[in-house]
PDB file of N, CA and C in Angstrom:
ATOM      1  N   UNK A   1     164.508  85.405 377.509  1.00  0.00           N
ATOM      2  CA  UNK A   1     165.388  86.367 376.540  1.00  0.00           C
ATOM      3  C   UNK A   1     165.851  87.786 377.359  1.00  0.00           C
ATOM      4  N   UNK A   2     166.780  87.933 376.967  1.00  0.00           N
ATOM      5  CA  UNK A   2     167.657  89.048 377.680  1.00  0.00           C
ATOM      6  C   UNK A   2     168.067  90.067 376.787  1.00  0.00           C
ATOM      7  N   UNK A   3     167.713  91.280 377.004  1.00  0.00           N
ATOM      8  CA  UNK A   3     168.477  91.884 375.541  1.00  0.00           C
ATOM      9  C   UNK A   3     168.649  93.704 376.410  1.00  0.00           C
ATOM     10  N   UNK A   4     169.708  94.144 375.536  1.00  0.00           N
ATOM     11  CA  UNK A   4     170.388  95.416 376.115  1.00  0.00           C
ATOM     12  C   UNK A   4     170.245  95.378 377.457  1.00  0.00           C
ATOM     13  N   UNK A   5     170.610  94.696 378.560  1.00  0.00           N
ATOM     14  CA  UNK A   5     170.951  94.744 379.971  1.00  0.00           C
ATOM     15  C   UNK A   5     172.550  95.141 380.411  1.00  0.00           C
ATOM     16  N   UNK A   6     172.487  95.574 381.245  1.00  0.00           N
ATOM     17  CA  UNK A   6     173.999  95.456 382.250  1.00  0.00           C
ATOM     18  C   UNK A   6     173.863  94.613 383.099  1.00  0.00           C
ATOM     19  N   UNK A   7     174.756  93.221 383.663  1.00  0.00           N
ATOM     20  CA  UNK A   7     174.297  92.737 384.813  1.00  0.00           C
ATOM     21  C   UNK A   7     175.932  93.043 385.304  1.00  0.00           C
ATOM     22  N   UNK A   8     176.977  93.701 385.932  1.00  0.00           N
ATOM     23  CA  UNK A   8     178.220  94.282 386.340  1.00  0.00           C
ATOM     24  C   UNK A   8     177.884  94.527 387.732  1.00  0.00           C
ATOM     25  N   UNK A   9     178.899  94.124 388.838  1.00  0.00           N
ATOM     26  CA  UNK A   9     179.395  94.524 389.660  1.00  0.00           C
ATOM     27  C   UNK A   9     180.664  94.500 390.205  1.00  0.00           C
ATOM     28  N   UNK A  10     180.702  93.960 391.401  1.00  0.00           N
ATOM     29  CA  UNK A  10     182.367  93.881 392.338  1.00  0.00           C
ATOM     30  C   UNK A  10     182.839  92.124 392.018  1.00  0.00           C
ATOM     31  N   UNK A  11     181.876  91.491 391.716  1.00  0.00           N
ATOM     32  CA  UNK A  11     182.475  89.422 391.838  1.00  0.00           C
ATOM     33  C   UNK A  11     182.864  89.577 390.372  1.00  0.00           C
ATOM     34  N   UNK A  12     183.812  88.338 390.639  1.00  0.00           N
ATOM     35  CA  UNK A  12     184.260  87.930 389.264  1.00  0.00           C
ATOM     36  C   UNK A  12     183.168  87.416 388.570  1.00  0.00           C
ATOM     37  N   UNK A  13     182.205  86.613 389.353  1.00  0.00           N
ATOM     38  CA  UNK A  13     180.969  86.622 387.902  1.00  0.00           C
ATOM     39  C   UNK A  13     179.290  87.379 388.654  1.00  0.00           C
ATOM     40  N   UNK A  14     179.394  88.030 387.747  1.00  0.00           N
ATOM     41  CA  UNK A  14     177.608  88.583 388.360  1.00  0.00           C
ATOM     42  C   UNK A  14     176.281  88.258 387.542  1.00  0.00           C
ATOM     43  N   UNK A  15     176.803  87.004 387.291  1.00  0.00           N
ATOM     44  CA  UNK A  15     175.808  85.888 386.628  1.00  0.00           C
ATOM     45  C   UNK A  15     175.946  84.626 387.129  1.00  0.00           C
ATOM     46  N   UNK A  16     175.004  83.910 387.709  1.00  0.00           N
ATOM     47  CA  UNK A  16     175.259  82.326 387.711  1.00  0.00           C
ATOM     48  C   UNK A  16     174.004  81.503 386.845  1.00  0.00           C
ATOM     49  N   UNK A  17     174.410  80.387 386.119  1.00  0.00           N
ATOM     50  CA  UNK A  17     173.687  80.047 385.837  1.00  0.00           C
ATOM     51  C   UNK A  17     173.440  78.845 385.982  1.00  0.00           C
ATOM     52  N   UNK A  18     171.959  77.939 386.772  1.00  0.00           N
ATOM     53  CA  UNK A  18     172.071  76.663 386.638  1.00  0.00           C
ATOM     54  C   UNK A  18     170.843  76.408 386.418  1.00  0.00           C
ATOM     55  N   UNK A  19     170.156  75.615 386.067  1.00  0.00           N
ATOM     56  CA  UNK A  19     169.282  74.735 385.377  1.00  0.00           C
ATOM     57  C   UNK A  19     168.819  73.629 387.079  1.00  0.00           C
ATOM     58  N   UNK A  20     167.539  73.799 387.476  1.00  0.00           N
ATOM     59  CA  UNK A  20     166.846  73.341 388.512  1.00  0.00           C
ATOM     60  C   UNK A  20     166.237  72.152 388.071  1.00  0.00           C
ATOM     61  N   UNK A  21     166.391  71.807 386.968  1.00  0.00           N
ATOM     62  CA  UNK A  21     165.204  70.562 386.672  1.00  0.00           C
ATOM     63  C   UNK A  21     166.273  69.804 386.125  1.00  0.00           C
ATOM     64  N   UNK A  22     165.781  68.362 385.648  1.00  0.00           N
ATOM     65  CA  UNK A  22     167.009  67.439 385.288  1.00  0.00           C
ATOM     66  C   UNK A  22     166.786  67.583 383.751  1.00  0.00           C
ATOM     67  N   UNK A  23     166.262  67.846 383.240  1.00  0.00           N
ATOM     68  CA  UNK A  23     166.248  67.857 381.969  1.00  0.00           C
ATOM     69  C   UNK A  23     166.970  69.324 381.560  1.00  0.00           C
ATOM     70  N   UNK A  24     168.081  69.064 381.231  1.00  0.00           N
ATOM     71  CA  UNK A  24     168.781  70.244 380.085  1.00  0.00           C
ATOM     72  C   UNK A  24     167.863  71.007 379.558  1.00  0.00           C
ATOM     73  N   UNK A  25     167.040  70.392 378.565  1.00  0.00           N
ATOM     74  CA  UNK A  25     166.538  71.353 377.481  1.00  0.00           C
ATOM     75  C   UNK A  25     165.384  71.405 377.658  1.00  0.00           C
ATOM     76  N   UNK A  26     165.177  71.890 378.856  1.00  0.00           N
ATOM     77  CA  UNK A  26     164.532  72.868 379.793  1.00  0.00           C
ATOM     78  C   UNK A  26     164.616  73.940 379.720  1.00  0.00           C
ATOM     79  N   UNK A  27     165.998  73.987 380.078  1.00  0.00           N
ATOM     80  CA  UNK A  27     166.991  75.322 380.506  1.00  0.00           C
ATOM     81  C   UNK A  27     167.562  75.864 379.025  1.00  0.00           C
ATOM     82  N   UNK A  28     166.780  77.328 378.424  1.00  0.00           N
ATOM     83  CA  UNK A  28     166.926  77.742 377.313  1.00  0.00           C
ATOM     84  C   UNK A  28     167.215  79.579 378.181  1.00  0.00           C
ATOM     85  N   UNK A  29     168.479  80.097 377.736  1.00  0.00           N
ATOM     86  CA  UNK A  29     168.960  81.240 377.881  1.00  0.00           C
ATOM     87  C   UNK A  29     168.578  81.855 376.540  1.00  0.00           C
ATOM     88  N   UNK A  30     168.507  83.096 376.172  1.00  0.00           N
ATOM     89  CA  UNK A  30     169.052  83.697 374.751  1.00  0.00           C
ATOM     90  C   UNK A  30     169.228  84.993 375.462  1.00  0.00           C
ATOM     91  N   UNK A  31     170.071  85.543 375.466  1.00  0.00           N
ATOM     92  CA  UNK A  31     170.788  86.890 375.850  1.00  0.00           C
ATOM     93  C   UNK A  31     171.742  87.513 374.659  1.00  0.00           C
ATOM     94  N   UNK A  32     171.240  88.731 374.287  1.00  0.00           N
ATOM     95  CA  UNK A  32     171.736  89.714 373.232  1.00  0.00           C
ATOM     96  C   UNK A  32     172.303  90.853 373.681  1.00  0.00           C
ATOM     97  N   UNK A  33     173.441  91.361 373.387  1.00  0.00           N
ATOM     98  CA  UNK A  33     173.707  93.126 373.370  1.00  0.00           C
ATOM     99  C   UNK A  33     173.630  93.103 374.625  1.00  0.00           C
ATOM    100  N   UNK A  34     174.172  92.555 375.334  1.00  0.00           N
ATOM    101  CA  UNK A  34     174.625  93.242 376.862  1.00  0.00           C
ATOM    102  C   UNK A  34     175.801  93.106 377.586  1.00  0.00           C
ATOM    103  N   UNK A  35     175.711  94.196 378.461  1.00  0.00           N
ATOM    104  CA  UNK A  35     177.316  93.545 379.267  1.00  0.00           C
ATOM    105  C   UNK A  35     177.069  93.290 380.210  1.00  0.00           C
ATOM    106  N   UNK A  36     177.737  92.142 380.656  1.00  0.00           N
ATOM    107  CA  UNK A  36     178.119  90.796 381.351  1.00  0.00           C
ATOM    108  C   UNK A  36     179.550  90.858 382.387  1.00  0.00           C
ATOM    109  N   UNK A  37     179.401  91.057 383.244  1.00  0.00           N
ATOM    110  CA  UNK A  37     180.827  90.793 383.655  1.00  0.00           C
ATOM    111  C   UNK A  37     180.563  89.204 384.418  1.00  0.00           C
ATOM    112  N   UNK A  38     181.350  88.387 383.399  1.00  0.00           N
ATOM    113  CA  UNK A  38     181.907  86.553 383.633  1.00  0.00           C
ATOM    114  C   UNK A  38     183.083  86.397 383.404  1.00  0.00           C
ATOM    115  N   UNK A  39     183.698  85.700 384.606  1.00  0.00           N
ATOM    116  CA  UNK A  39     185.010  85.057 384.544  1.00  0.00           C
ATOM    117  C   UNK A  39     184.631  83.342 385.037  1.00  0.00           C
ATOM    118  N   UNK A  40     184.676  83.108 385.533  1.00  0.00           N
ATOM    119  CA  UNK A  40     184.551  81.902 386.275  1.00  0.00           C
ATOM    120  C   UNK A  40     183.684  81.163 385.496  1.00  0.00           C
ATOM    121  N   UNK A  41     182.136  81.355 384.898  1.00  0.00           N
ATOM    122  CA  UNK A  41     181.764  80.309 384.560  1.00  0.00           C
ATOM    123  C   UNK A  41     181.779  80.084 383.165  1.00  0.00           C
ATOM    124  N   UNK A  42     183.153  81.097 382.724  1.00  0.00           N
ATOM    125  CA  UNK A  42     183.418  80.483 381.911  1.00  0.00           C
ATOM    126  C   UNK A  42     184.684  79.047 381.380  1.00  0.00           C
ATOM    127  N   UNK A  43     184.394  78.900 382.509  1.00  0.00           N
ATOM    128  CA  UNK A  43     185.357  77.651 382.668  1.00  0.00           C
ATOM    129  C   UNK A  43     185.091  76.355 382.616  1.00  0.00           C
ATOM    130  N   UNK A  44     186.195  75.195 382.011  1.00  0.00           N
ATOM    131  CA  UNK A  44     185.445  73.865 381.549  1.00  0.00           C
ATOM    132  C   UNK A  44     184.516  73.635 381.663  1.00  0.00           C
ATOM    133  N   UNK A  45     183.712  72.764 382.468  1.00  0.00           N
ATOM    134  CA  UNK A  45     182.147  72.362 383.120  1.00  0.00           C
ATOM    135  C   UNK A  45     181.406  72.688 383.401  1.00  0.00           C
ATOM    136  N   UNK A  46     181.490  74.405 383.140  1.00  0.00           N
ATOM    137  CA  UNK A  46     180.396  75.000 383.296  1.00  0.00           C
ATOM    138  C   UNK A  46     179.903  75.871 381.983  1.00  0.00           C
ATOM    139  N   UNK A  47     180.425  77.146 381.932  1.00  0.00           N
ATOM    140  CA  UNK A  47     179.555  77.617 380.465  1.00  0.00           C
ATOM    141  C   UNK A  47     180.815  77.709 379.606  1.00  0.00           C
ATOM    142  N   UNK A  48     181.407  76.829 379.394  1.00  0.00           N
ATOM    143  CA  UNK A  48     182.989  78.270 378.675  1.00  0.00           C
ATOM    144  C   UNK A  48     182.668  78.746 377.237  1.00  0.00           C
ATOM    145  N   UNK A  49     181.549  78.121 376.190  1.00  0.00           N
ATOM    146  CA  UNK A  49     180.702  78.947 375.534  1.00  0.00           C
ATOM    147  C   UNK A  49     179.715  80.369 375.468  1.00  0.00           C
ATOM    148  N   UNK A  50     179.966  80.527 376.563  1.00  0.00           N
ATOM    149  CA  UNK A  50     179.020  81.197 377.017  1.00  0.00           C
ATOM    150  C   UNK A  50     178.839  82.304 376.121  1.00  0.00           C
ATOM    151  N   UNK A  51     179.934  83.315 375.835  1.00  0.00           N
ATOM    152  CA  UNK A  51     179.774  84.698 375.478  1.00  0.00           C
ATOM    153  C   UNK A  51     179.281  83.887 374.111  1.00  0.00           C
ATOM    154  N   UNK A  52     180.214  82.840 373.201  1.00  0.00           N
ATOM    155  CA  UNK A  52     179.387  83.040 371.919  1.00  0.00           C
ATOM    156  C   UNK A  52     178.764  81.413 371.258  1.00  0.00           C
ATOM    157  N   UNK A  53     177.337  81.047 372.313  1.00  0.00           N
ATOM    158  CA  UNK A  53     176.373  80.563 372.719  1.00  0.00           C
ATOM    159  C   UNK A  53     175.205  81.163 373.066  1.00  0.00           C
ATOM    160  N   UNK A  54     175.300  81.939 373.925  1.00  0.00           N
ATOM    161  CA  UNK A  54     174.215  82.424 374.795  1.00  0.00           C
ATOM    162  C   UNK A  54     174.195  83.597 374.965  1.00  0.00           C
ATOM    163  N   UNK A  55     175.312  84.136 375.441  1.00  0.00           N
ATOM    164  CA  UNK A  55     175.360  85.357 375.241  1.00  0.00           C
ATOM    165  C   UNK A  55     176.170  86.247 373.354  1.00  0.00           C
ATOM    166  N   UNK A  56     175.730  86.561 372.701  1.00  0.00           N
ATOM    167  CA  UNK A  56     175.829  86.666 371.329  1.00  0.00           C
ATOM    168  C   UNK A  56     175.929  88.221 371.730  1.00  0.00           C
ATOM    169  N   UNK A  57     177.077  88.630 370.614  1.00  0.00           N
ATOM    170  CA  UNK A  57     177.389  90.635 370.947  1.00  0.00           C
ATOM    171  C   UNK A  57     177.360  91.068 372.241  1.00  0.00           C
ATOM    172  N   UNK A  58     177.577  90.258 373.436  1.00  0.00           N
ATOM    173  CA  UNK A  58     178.061  90.672 374.498  1.00  0.00           C
ATOM    174  C   UNK A  58     179.277  91.124 374.638  1.00  0.00           C
ATOM    175  N   UNK A  59     179.373  92.088 375.929  1.00  0.00           N
ATOM    176  CA  UNK A  59     180.603  92.599 376.218  1.00  0.00           C
ATOM    177  C   UNK A  59     180.420  91.963 377.585  1.00  0.00           C
ATOM    178  N   UNK A  60     182.132  91.377 377.627  1.00  0.00           N
ATOM    179  CA  UNK A  60     182.645  91.017 378.889  1.00  0.00           C
ATOM    180  C   UNK A  60     183.411  92.031 379.615  1.00  0.00           C
ATOM    181  N   UNK A  61     182.792  92.715 380.079  1.00  0.00           N
ATOM    182  CA  UNK A  61     183.011  93.792 380.938  1.00  0.00           C
ATOM    183  C   UNK A  61     184.471  93.674 382.281  1.00  0.00           C
ATOM    184  N   UNK A  62     185.094  94.699 382.292  1.00  0.00           N
ATOM    185  CA  UNK A  62     185.941  94.456 383.243  1.00  0.00           C
ATOM    186  C   UNK A  62     186.163  95.592 384.234  1.00  0.00           C
ATOM    187  N   UNK A  63     186.263  95.627 385.392  1.00  0.00           N
ATOM    188  CA  UNK A  63     186.185  96.419 386.510  1.00  0.00           C
ATOM    189  C   UNK A  63     186.249  97.921 386.285  1.00  0.00           C
ATOM    190  N   UNK A  64     187.665  97.758 385.132  1.00  0.00           N
ATOM    191  CA  UNK A  64     187.746  99.078 384.926  1.00  0.00           C
ATOM    192  C   UNK A  64     186.919  99.792 383.790  1.00  0.00           C
ATOM    193  N   UNK A  65     186.279  99.033 383.536  1.00  0.00           N
ATOM    194  CA  UNK A  65     186.019  99.582 381.921  1.00  0.00           C
ATOM    195  C   UNK A  65     184.683 100.796 382.145  1.00  0.00           C
ATOM    196  N   UNK A  66     184.479 101.750 381.674  1.00  0.00           N
ATOM    197  CA  UNK A  66     184.213 103.117 382.158  1.00  0.00           C
ATOM    198  C   UNK A  66     182.653 102.758 381.552  1.00  0.00           C
ATOM    199  N   UNK A  67     181.823 103.271 382.447  1.00  0.00           N
ATOM    200  CA  UNK A  67     180.269 102.539 382.698  1.00  0.00           C
ATOM    201  C   UNK A  67     179.064 103.527 382.547  1.00  0.00           C
ATOM    202  N   UNK A  68     179.292 103.932 383.742  1.00  0.00           N
ATOM    203  CA  UNK A  68     178.618 104.811 384.426  1.00  0.00           C
ATOM    204  C   UNK A  68     179.084 106.269 384.895  1.00  0.00           C
ATOM    205  N   UNK A  69     178.237 107.018 385.295  1.00  0.00           N
ATOM    206  CA  UNK A  69     178.624 108.339 385.903  1.00  0.00           C
ATOM    207  C   UNK A  69     179.951 108.415 387.177  1.00  0.00           C
ATOM    208  N   UNK A  70     178.512 107.680 388.186  1.00  0.00           N
ATOM    209  CA  UNK A  70     179.268 107.719 389.681  1.00  0.00           C
ATOM    210  C   UNK A  70     178.546 106.790 390.556  1.00  0.00           C
ATOM    211  N   UNK A  71     179.471 105.443 389.974  1.00  0.00           N
ATOM    212  CA  UNK A  71     177.973 104.478 390.752  1.00  0.00           C
ATOM    213  C   UNK A  71     178.245 104.609 393.052  1.00  0.00           C
ATOM    214  N   UNK A  72     179.755 105.433 393.345  1.00  0.00           N
ATOM    215  CA  UNK A  72     179.553 105.529 394.470  1.00  0.00           C
ATOM    216  C   UNK A  72     178.617 106.690 394.876  1.00  0.00           C
ATOM    217  N   UNK A  73     178.335 107.369 394.172  1.00  0.00           N
ATOM    218  CA  UNK A  73     176.202 108.466 394.498  1.00  0.00           C
ATOM    219  C   UNK A  73     175.344 107.556 393.441  1.00  0.00           C
ATOM    220  N   UNK A  74     175.150 106.775 393.408  1.00  0.00           N
ATOM    221  CA  UNK A  74     174.497 105.983 392.855  1.00  0.00           C
ATOM    222  C   UNK A  74     173.621 106.742 391.603  1.00  0.00           C
ATOM    223  N   UNK A  75     174.688 107.148 390.758  1.00  0.00           N
ATOM    224  CA  UNK A  75     174.854 108.094 389.779  1.00  0.00           C
ATOM    225  C   UNK A  75     174.572 106.475 388.986  1.00  0.00           C
ATOM    226  N   UNK A  76     173.460 105.849 388.174  1.00  0.00           N
ATOM    227  CA  UNK A  76     173.842 105.267 386.960  1.00  0.00           C
ATOM    228  C   UNK A  76     173.556 105.610 385.324  1.00  0.00           C
ATOM    229  N   UNK A  77     173.352 106.697 385.424  1.00  0.00           N
ATOM    230  CA  UNK A  77     173.182 107.165 383.696  1.00  0.00           C
ATOM    231  C   UNK A  77     174.692 106.898 383.653  1.00  0.00           C
ATOM    232  N   UNK A  78     174.993 107.097 382.194  1.00  0.00           N
ATOM    233  CA  UNK A  78     175.733 106.324 380.963  1.00  0.00           C
ATOM    234  C   UNK A  78     177.546 107.373 381.178  1.00  0.00           C
ATOM    235  N   UNK A  79     178.613 107.557 381.446  1.00  0.00           N
ATOM    236  CA  UNK A  79     179.459 107.933 381.458  1.00  0.00           C
ATOM    237  C   UNK A  79     179.802 108.448 380.000  1.00  0.00           C
ATOM    238  N   UNK A  80     180.574 109.439 379.880  1.00  0.00           N
ATOM    239  CA  UNK A  80     180.216 109.949 378.262  1.00  0.00           C
ATOM    240  C   UNK A  80     181.257 109.051 377.493  1.00  0.00           C
ATOM    241  N   UNK A  81     182.466 108.040 378.030  1.00  0.00           N
ATOM    242  CA  UNK A  81     183.204 107.013 378.014  1.00  0.00           C
ATOM    243  C   UNK A  81     182.254 105.744 378.199  1.00  0.00           C
ATOM    244  N   UNK A  82     181.077 105.492 378.497  1.00  0.00           N
ATOM    245  CA  UNK A  82     180.614 104.416 378.720  1.00  0.00           C
ATOM    246  C   UNK A  82     181.242 103.431 377.227  1.00  0.00           C
ATOM    247  N   UNK A  83     180.763 102.058 377.709  1.00  0.00           N
ATOM    248  CA  UNK A  83     181.124 101.071 377.336  1.00  0.00           C
ATOM    249  C   UNK A  83     180.139 100.950 376.593  1.00  0.00           C
ATOM    250  N   UNK A  84     178.622 100.854 377.378  1.00  0.00           N
ATOM    251  CA  UNK A  84     177.417 101.227 376.912  1.00  0.00           C
ATOM    252  C   UNK A  84     177.186 102.120 375.497  1.00  0.00           C
ATOM    253  N   UNK A  85     177.944 102.821 374.899  1.00  0.00           N
ATOM    254  CA  UNK A  85     176.959 103.466 374.052  1.00  0.00           C
ATOM    255  C   UNK A  85     176.840 102.550 372.699  1.00  0.00           C
ATOM    256  N   UNK A  86     175.394 102.822 372.157  1.00  0.00           N
ATOM    257  CA  UNK A  86     175.544 102.609 370.650  1.00  0.00           C
ATOM    258  C   UNK A  86     175.580 101.024 370.634  1.00  0.00           C
ATOM    259  N   UNK A  87     175.584 100.166 371.545  1.00  0.00           N
ATOM    260  CA  UNK A  87     175.780  99.049 371.239  1.00  0.00           C
ATOM    261  C   UNK A  87     174.397  98.153 371.708  1.00  0.00           C
ATOM    262  N   UNK A  88     173.828  98.465 372.118  1.00  0.00           N
ATOM    263  CA  UNK A  88     172.537  97.852 371.942  1.00  0.00           C
ATOM    264  C   UNK A  88     171.504  97.709 370.685  1.00  0.00           C
ATOM    265  N   UNK A  89     170.476  96.771 370.561  1.00  0.00           N
ATOM    266  CA  UNK A  89     169.990  97.102 369.354  1.00  0.00           C
ATOM    267  C   UNK A  89     168.034  97.209 369.487  1.00  0.00           C
ATOM    268  N   UNK A  90     167.984  97.401 368.575  1.00  0.00           N
ATOM    269  CA  UNK A  90     166.708  98.298 368.910  1.00  0.00           C
ATOM    270  C   UNK A  90     165.685  97.308 369.190  1.00  0.00           C
ATOM    271  N   UNK A  91     164.885  97.543 369.823  1.00  0.00           N
ATOM    272  CA  UNK A  91     163.379  96.726 370.712  1.00  0.00           C
ATOM    273  C   UNK A  91     162.296  97.971 369.974  1.00  0.00           C
ATOM    274  N   UNK A  92     161.474  97.518 369.340  1.00  0.00           N
ATOM    275  CA  UNK A  92     160.378  98.056 368.718  1.00  0.00           C
ATOM    276  C   UNK A  92     159.467  98.181 370.218  1.00  0.00           C
ATOM    277  N   UNK A  93     159.373  97.608 371.069  1.00  0.00           N
ATOM    278  CA  UNK A  93     158.355  98.266 372.061  1.00  0.00           C
ATOM    279  C   UNK A  93     159.015  99.487 373.298  1.00  0.00           C
ATOM    280  N   UNK A  94     160.383  99.242 372.861  1.00  0.00           N
ATOM    281  CA  UNK A  94     160.614 100.092 373.590  1.00  0.00           C
ATOM    282  C   UNK A  94     161.827 101.282 373.365  1.00  0.00           C
ATOM    283  N   UNK A  95     160.721 102.438 372.822  1.00  0.00           N
ATOM    284  CA  UNK A  95     161.112 103.890 372.378  1.00  0.00           C
ATOM    285  C   UNK A  95     161.773 105.165 373.048  1.00  0.00           C
ATOM    286  N   UNK A  96     161.435 104.539 374.831  1.00  0.00           N
ATOM    287  CA  UNK A  96     162.286 105.715 375.800  1.00  0.00           C
ATOM    288  C   UNK A  96     162.824 105.104 376.725  1.00  0.00           C
ATOM    289  N   UNK A  97     163.764 105.621 377.459  1.00  0.00           N
ATOM    290  CA  UNK A  97     164.964 105.464 378.358  1.00  0.00           C
ATOM    291  C   UNK A  97     163.499 105.598 379.840  1.00  0.00           C
ATOM    292  N   UNK A  98     164.893 105.372 380.985  1.00  0.00           N
ATOM    293  CA  UNK A  98     163.778 105.211 382.303  1.00  0.00           C
ATOM    294  C   UNK A  98     163.563 107.082 382.241  1.00  0.00           C
ATOM    295  N   UNK A  99     163.616 107.801 381.686  1.00  0.00           N
ATOM    296  CA  UNK A  99     164.008 109.547 381.751  1.00  0.00           C
ATOM    297  C   UNK A  99     162.675 109.978 381.106  1.00  0.00           C
ATOM    298  N   UNK A 100     162.295 108.930 379.926  1.00  0.00           N
ATOM    299  CA  UNK A 100     161.382 109.539 379.304  1.00  0.00           C
ATOM    300  C   UNK A 100     162.113 110.180 377.791  1.00  0.00           C
ATOM    301  N   UNK A 101     163.166 110.031 377.773  1.00  0.00           N
ATOM    302  CA  UNK A 101     164.394 110.092 376.673  1.00  0.00           C
ATOM    303  C   UNK A 101     164.241 109.455 375.295  1.00  0.00           C
ATOM    304  N   UNK A 102     164.046 109.469 374.459  1.00  0.00           N
ATOM    305  CA  UNK A 102     164.258 108.996 372.735  1.00  0.00           C
ATOM    306  C   UNK A 102     165.326 108.279 372.578  1.00  0.00           C
ATOM    307  N   UNK A 103     164.949 107.066 372.871  1.00  0.00           N
ATOM    308  CA  UNK A 103     166.078 106.365 372.350  1.00  0.00           C
ATOM    309  C   UNK A 103     166.447 106.545 370.495  1.00  0.00           C
ATOM    310  N   UNK A 104     167.555 105.795 370.289  1.00  0.00           N
ATOM    311  CA  UNK A 104     168.432 106.129 369.223  1.00  0.00           C
ATOM    312  C   UNK A 104     167.392 105.112 368.290  1.00  0.00           C
ATOM    313  N   UNK A 105     166.448 105.150 367.077  1.00  0.00           N
ATOM    314  CA  UNK A 105     165.988 104.482 366.407  1.00  0.00           C
ATOM    315  C   UNK A 105     166.894 103.430 366.104  1.00  0.00           C
ATOM    316  N   UNK A 106     168.367 103.410 365.617  1.00  0.00           N
ATOM    317  CA  UNK A 106     169.382 102.553 364.941  1.00  0.00           C
ATOM    318  C   UNK A 106     170.655 102.167 366.022  1.00  0.00           C
ATOM    319  N   UNK A 107     171.102 102.481 366.892  1.00  0.00           N
ATOM    320  CA  UNK A 107     171.403 101.687 367.637  1.00  0.00           C
ATOM    321  C   UNK A 107     171.473 102.547 369.199  1.00  0.00           C
ATOM    322  N   UNK A 108     170.728 102.207 369.716  1.00  0.00           N
ATOM    323  CA  UNK A 108     170.479 102.704 370.996  1.00  0.00           C
ATOM    324  C   UNK A 108     171.573 101.846 372.161  1.00  0.00           C
ATOM    325  N   UNK A 109     171.551 102.752 373.247  1.00  0.00           N
ATOM    326  CA  UNK A 109     172.407 102.681 374.596  1.00  0.00           C
ATOM    327  C   UNK A 109     172.203 101.210 374.843  1.00  0.00           C
ATOM    328  N   UNK A 110     173.205 100.456 375.645  1.00  0.00           N
ATOM    329  CA  UNK A 110     172.361  99.532 376.139  1.00  0.00           C
ATOM    330  C   UNK A 110     172.072  99.790 377.567  1.00  0.00           C
ATOM    331  N   UNK A 111     171.464  99.204 378.733  1.00  0.00           N
ATOM    332  CA  UNK A 111     170.688  99.367 379.575  1.00  0.00           C
ATOM    333  C   UNK A 111     169.745 100.144 379.729  1.00  0.00           C
ATOM    334  N   UNK A 112     169.134 100.926 381.164  1.00  0.00           N
ATOM    335  CA  UNK A 112     167.864 101.365 380.784  1.00  0.00           C
ATOM    336  C   UNK A 112     167.847 103.200 380.501  1.00  0.00           C
ATOM    337  N   UNK A 113     169.218 103.560 380.374  1.00  0.00           N
ATOM    338  CA  UNK A 113     169.836 105.042 380.036  1.00  0.00           C
ATOM    339  C   UNK A 113     169.928 105.217 378.429  1.00  0.00           C
ATOM    340  N   UNK A 114     169.354 106.172 378.300  1.00  0.00           N
ATOM    341  CA  UNK A 114     170.163 106.642 376.838  1.00  0.00           C
ATOM    342  C   UNK A 114     170.976 107.801 377.060  1.00  0.00           C
ATOM    343  N   UNK A 115     172.370 107.863 376.383  1.00  0.00           N
ATOM    344  CA  UNK A 115     173.145 108.952 376.870  1.00  0.00           C
ATOM    345  C   UNK A 115     172.708 110.132 376.008  1.00  0.00           C
ATOM    346  N   UNK A 116     172.427 111.172 376.376  1.00  0.00           N
ATOM    347  CA  UNK A 116     172.252 112.050 375.834  1.00  0.00           C
ATOM    348  C   UNK A 116     173.779 113.230 375.365  1.00  0.00           C
ATOM    349  N   UNK A 117     173.889 113.635 374.344  1.00  0.00           N
ATOM    350  CA  UNK A 117     174.950 114.127 373.833  1.00  0.00           C
ATOM    351  C   UNK A 117     174.338 116.085 374.356  1.00  0.00           C
ATOM    352  N   UNK A 118     175.079 116.239 375.165  1.00  0.00           N
ATOM    353  CA  UNK A 118     174.801 117.923 375.840  1.00  0.00           C
ATOM    354  C   UNK A 118     175.626 118.721 375.022  1.00  0.00           C
TER     355      UNK A 118
END
């Protein structure tokens, strides 16, 4: 289970999926309310239904989408116009972000940071 995560980078696909076992039923992946960057895995013969069957309510981000404050300075806090804002789902065991800021109990942000309006 993968929820409220950001899987983003400079590649066409920042996520690769493969089943090491011969039994395809052993491979179960449930993703919900994530930001991902995928392109080629959506092709026929790979996972064309990835965004509708595996990654439910996920955002397929583009390279120019606003997300972080400044990745060049390794500042991965959310930008004021971030596509991650209020797109997560509440997880009862995670009530604070990585900086110990309270998560919005109804509409948390996706990722490890909760955007704080100042």
